[in-house]
Protein backbone atom coordinates (compact mmCIF):
# COMPACT_ATOMS: atom_id res chain seq x y z
CA MET A 1 -59.60 56.82 -38.02
CA ALA A 2 -62.31 54.24 -38.06
CA ALA A 3 -60.39 51.76 -36.13
CA GLN A 4 -60.06 54.59 -33.50
CA MET A 5 -64.30 55.07 -33.69
CA MET A 6 -64.87 51.46 -32.75
CA ASN A 7 -62.70 51.46 -29.67
CA ALA A 8 -64.31 54.61 -28.89
CA GLY A 9 -67.11 52.90 -27.01
CA GLY A 10 -64.69 51.46 -24.46
CA GLY A 11 -63.86 48.03 -24.11
CA ARG A 12 -65.29 44.92 -26.34
CA GLY A 13 -67.47 46.11 -29.12
CA GLY A 14 -68.40 49.38 -27.24
CA ARG A 15 -70.91 47.89 -24.86
CA ARG A 16 -70.33 49.12 -21.36
CA ARG A 17 -70.96 46.32 -18.47
CA ALA A 18 -73.98 47.74 -15.96
CA THR A 19 -72.83 47.20 -12.26
CA ARG A 20 -75.30 45.86 -10.33
CA PRO A 21 -75.79 46.17 -6.25
CA VAL A 22 -74.36 43.43 -4.29
CA SER A 23 -77.51 42.07 -2.31
CA ASP A 24 -76.03 39.75 0.14
CA ILE A 25 -75.15 41.11 3.46
CA ASN A 26 -71.80 40.29 5.02
CA ILE A 27 -72.17 39.52 8.20
CA THR A 28 -68.62 39.25 8.80
CA PRO A 29 -67.63 42.33 10.17
CA PHE A 30 -70.80 42.37 12.66
CA VAL A 31 -70.00 38.65 13.83
CA ASP A 32 -66.63 39.71 15.06
CA VAL A 33 -67.84 42.99 16.91
CA MET A 34 -70.01 41.28 18.57
CA LEU A 35 -67.10 38.62 19.87
CA VAL A 36 -65.07 41.67 20.77
CA LEU A 37 -68.10 43.23 23.32
CA LEU A 38 -68.77 39.40 24.54
CA VAL A 39 -65.71 39.14 25.84
CA VAL A 40 -65.52 42.43 26.91
CA PHE A 41 -68.66 41.90 28.64
CA MET A 42 -67.31 38.40 30.40
CA VAL A 43 -64.13 40.14 31.63
CA THR A 44 -65.51 43.43 32.91
CA ALA A 45 -68.74 41.91 34.54
CA PRO A 46 -67.62 40.40 37.62
CA MET A 47 -65.79 43.19 38.59
CA MET A 48 -68.68 45.48 38.37
CA THR A 49 -70.93 43.91 41.50
CA VAL A 50 -69.66 46.05 43.72
CA ALA A 51 -67.64 48.81 43.85
CA VAL A 52 -66.04 49.64 47.34
CA PRO A 53 -62.33 47.97 47.01
CA VAL A 54 -61.98 45.66 50.26
CA ASP A 55 -58.96 43.68 50.71
CA LEU A 56 -61.04 40.39 52.05
CA PRO A 57 -59.62 37.66 53.80
CA LYS A 58 -58.71 34.03 52.22
CA THR A 59 -60.88 30.94 52.87
CA GLN A 60 -61.08 27.44 51.94
CA ALA A 61 -65.19 27.28 52.49
CA HIS A 62 -67.16 26.07 49.02
CA THR A 63 -69.42 28.00 47.18
CA VAL A 64 -72.76 29.17 46.79
CA HIS A 65 -75.26 28.86 44.30
CA GLN A 66 -78.10 31.58 44.05
CA ASP A 67 -80.30 32.53 41.65
CA LYS A 68 -80.94 36.16 42.68
CA GLU A 69 -78.46 38.88 43.24
CA PRO A 70 -77.80 39.73 46.99
CA LEU A 71 -77.78 42.59 48.55
CA VAL A 72 -74.05 43.67 49.78
CA VAL A 73 -73.14 45.20 52.57
CA SER A 74 -69.53 46.56 52.81
CA MET A 75 -66.96 47.80 55.41
CA ASP A 76 -63.35 49.47 54.43
CA ALA A 77 -60.54 49.20 56.55
CA GLU A 78 -61.58 52.72 58.17
CA GLY A 79 -64.86 50.99 59.18
CA HIS A 80 -67.02 52.82 56.89
CA VAL A 81 -70.13 51.53 56.31
CA TYR A 82 -71.19 50.89 52.49
CA LEU A 83 -74.94 49.33 51.02
CA GLN A 84 -74.08 48.23 47.71
CA ASP A 85 -71.55 51.05 46.44
CA LYS A 86 -73.45 54.06 48.24
CA ALA A 87 -72.00 55.21 51.75
CA LEU A 88 -74.01 55.74 54.88
CA ARG A 89 -74.37 55.90 58.28
CA LEU A 90 -74.71 52.75 60.60
CA ASP A 91 -77.75 54.03 61.93
CA ASP A 92 -79.23 54.22 58.11
CA LEU A 93 -78.19 50.41 57.44
CA ILE A 94 -81.46 48.66 58.65
CA PRO A 95 -83.79 51.26 57.05
CA LYS A 96 -82.53 51.05 53.69
CA LEU A 97 -82.29 47.72 53.72
CA LYS A 98 -85.44 47.33 54.66
CA ALA A 99 -86.90 49.93 52.10
CA ILE A 100 -85.10 47.87 49.25
CA THR A 101 -86.14 44.56 50.28
CA GLY A 102 -89.83 45.68 51.63
CA ALA A 103 -88.92 43.90 54.94
CA ASN A 104 -88.62 40.36 53.09
CA PRO A 105 -86.74 38.39 56.14
CA GLU A 106 -85.76 35.41 53.17
CA ALA A 107 -83.73 38.38 51.56
CA ARG A 108 -79.61 37.16 50.87
CA ILE A 109 -77.65 39.69 52.23
CA PHE A 110 -74.03 39.44 52.04
CA VAL A 111 -71.34 41.21 54.36
CA ARG A 112 -68.11 41.73 53.00
CA GLY A 113 -65.45 43.16 55.69
CA ASP A 114 -61.66 44.57 55.05
CA LYS A 115 -59.39 41.85 56.67
CA ARG A 116 -57.64 44.86 58.85
CA LEU A 117 -60.40 45.70 60.40
CA ALA A 118 -61.56 44.58 63.91
CA TYR A 119 -63.54 40.85 63.78
CA GLY A 120 -66.28 42.61 66.62
CA ARG A 121 -66.87 45.38 64.19
CA ILE A 122 -68.07 43.20 61.53
CA MET A 123 -70.20 40.83 63.78
CA GLU A 124 -71.74 44.24 65.12
CA VAL A 125 -73.02 44.87 61.63
CA MET A 126 -74.13 41.42 60.82
CA GLY A 127 -76.15 41.50 64.64
CA LEU A 128 -77.98 44.35 63.13
CA VAL A 129 -79.14 43.16 60.14
CA SER A 130 -79.67 39.73 61.90
CA ALA A 131 -81.41 41.24 64.94
CA ALA A 132 -83.40 43.40 61.66
CA GLY A 133 -85.39 39.98 61.14
CA PHE A 134 -82.98 39.10 57.91
CA THR A 135 -82.45 35.29 58.08
CA LYS A 136 -80.10 34.87 55.38
CA VAL A 137 -76.76 36.54 56.71
CA ALA A 138 -73.73 35.66 55.23
CA LEU A 139 -69.86 36.65 55.23
CA VAL A 140 -67.97 37.05 52.38
CA ALA A 141 -64.88 35.71 52.16
CA GLU A 142 -62.11 35.42 49.38
CA LEU A 143 -60.53 31.87 47.81
CA PRO A 144 -56.75 31.88 47.81
CA ASN A 145 -56.86 31.92 44.23
CA GLY A 146 -58.54 35.35 44.18
CA SER A 147 -62.05 34.41 43.41
CA THR A 148 -64.99 36.16 45.91
CA ARG A 149 -67.24 33.63 47.82
CA GLY A 150 -70.08 33.86 49.94
CA GLU A 151 -70.18 31.20 52.95
């Protein structure tokens, strides 16, 4: 009976070991999550630039490097005009561009036209934008490997 009472306190000599909370932060799961998010944003960010699906013509031209994000005027295969990803009438294009840029003639404007669209229709839109006083108007084409470039 005496042997049973000595072990009743539990373990070694009847003393219980107090468990202390761990004060170290385990940052490995945090880093793992951040790396996954970084990869997700790196993959999806280039696809989010313009939401209008346009089949661009291919070209071998050089890349245009720029600091500021340009405004993008897109035209789909049916000839509908979009400013960024918003559809609008051709008559409303110039007032919207002037309102967005503050009538700044140095604002970069990219024109994207579907390759099935008549070239004259694309030039009509470029002519309207240029006639409105914008000096930095460029066509956007697709390189043979699939990436998009401004001309």
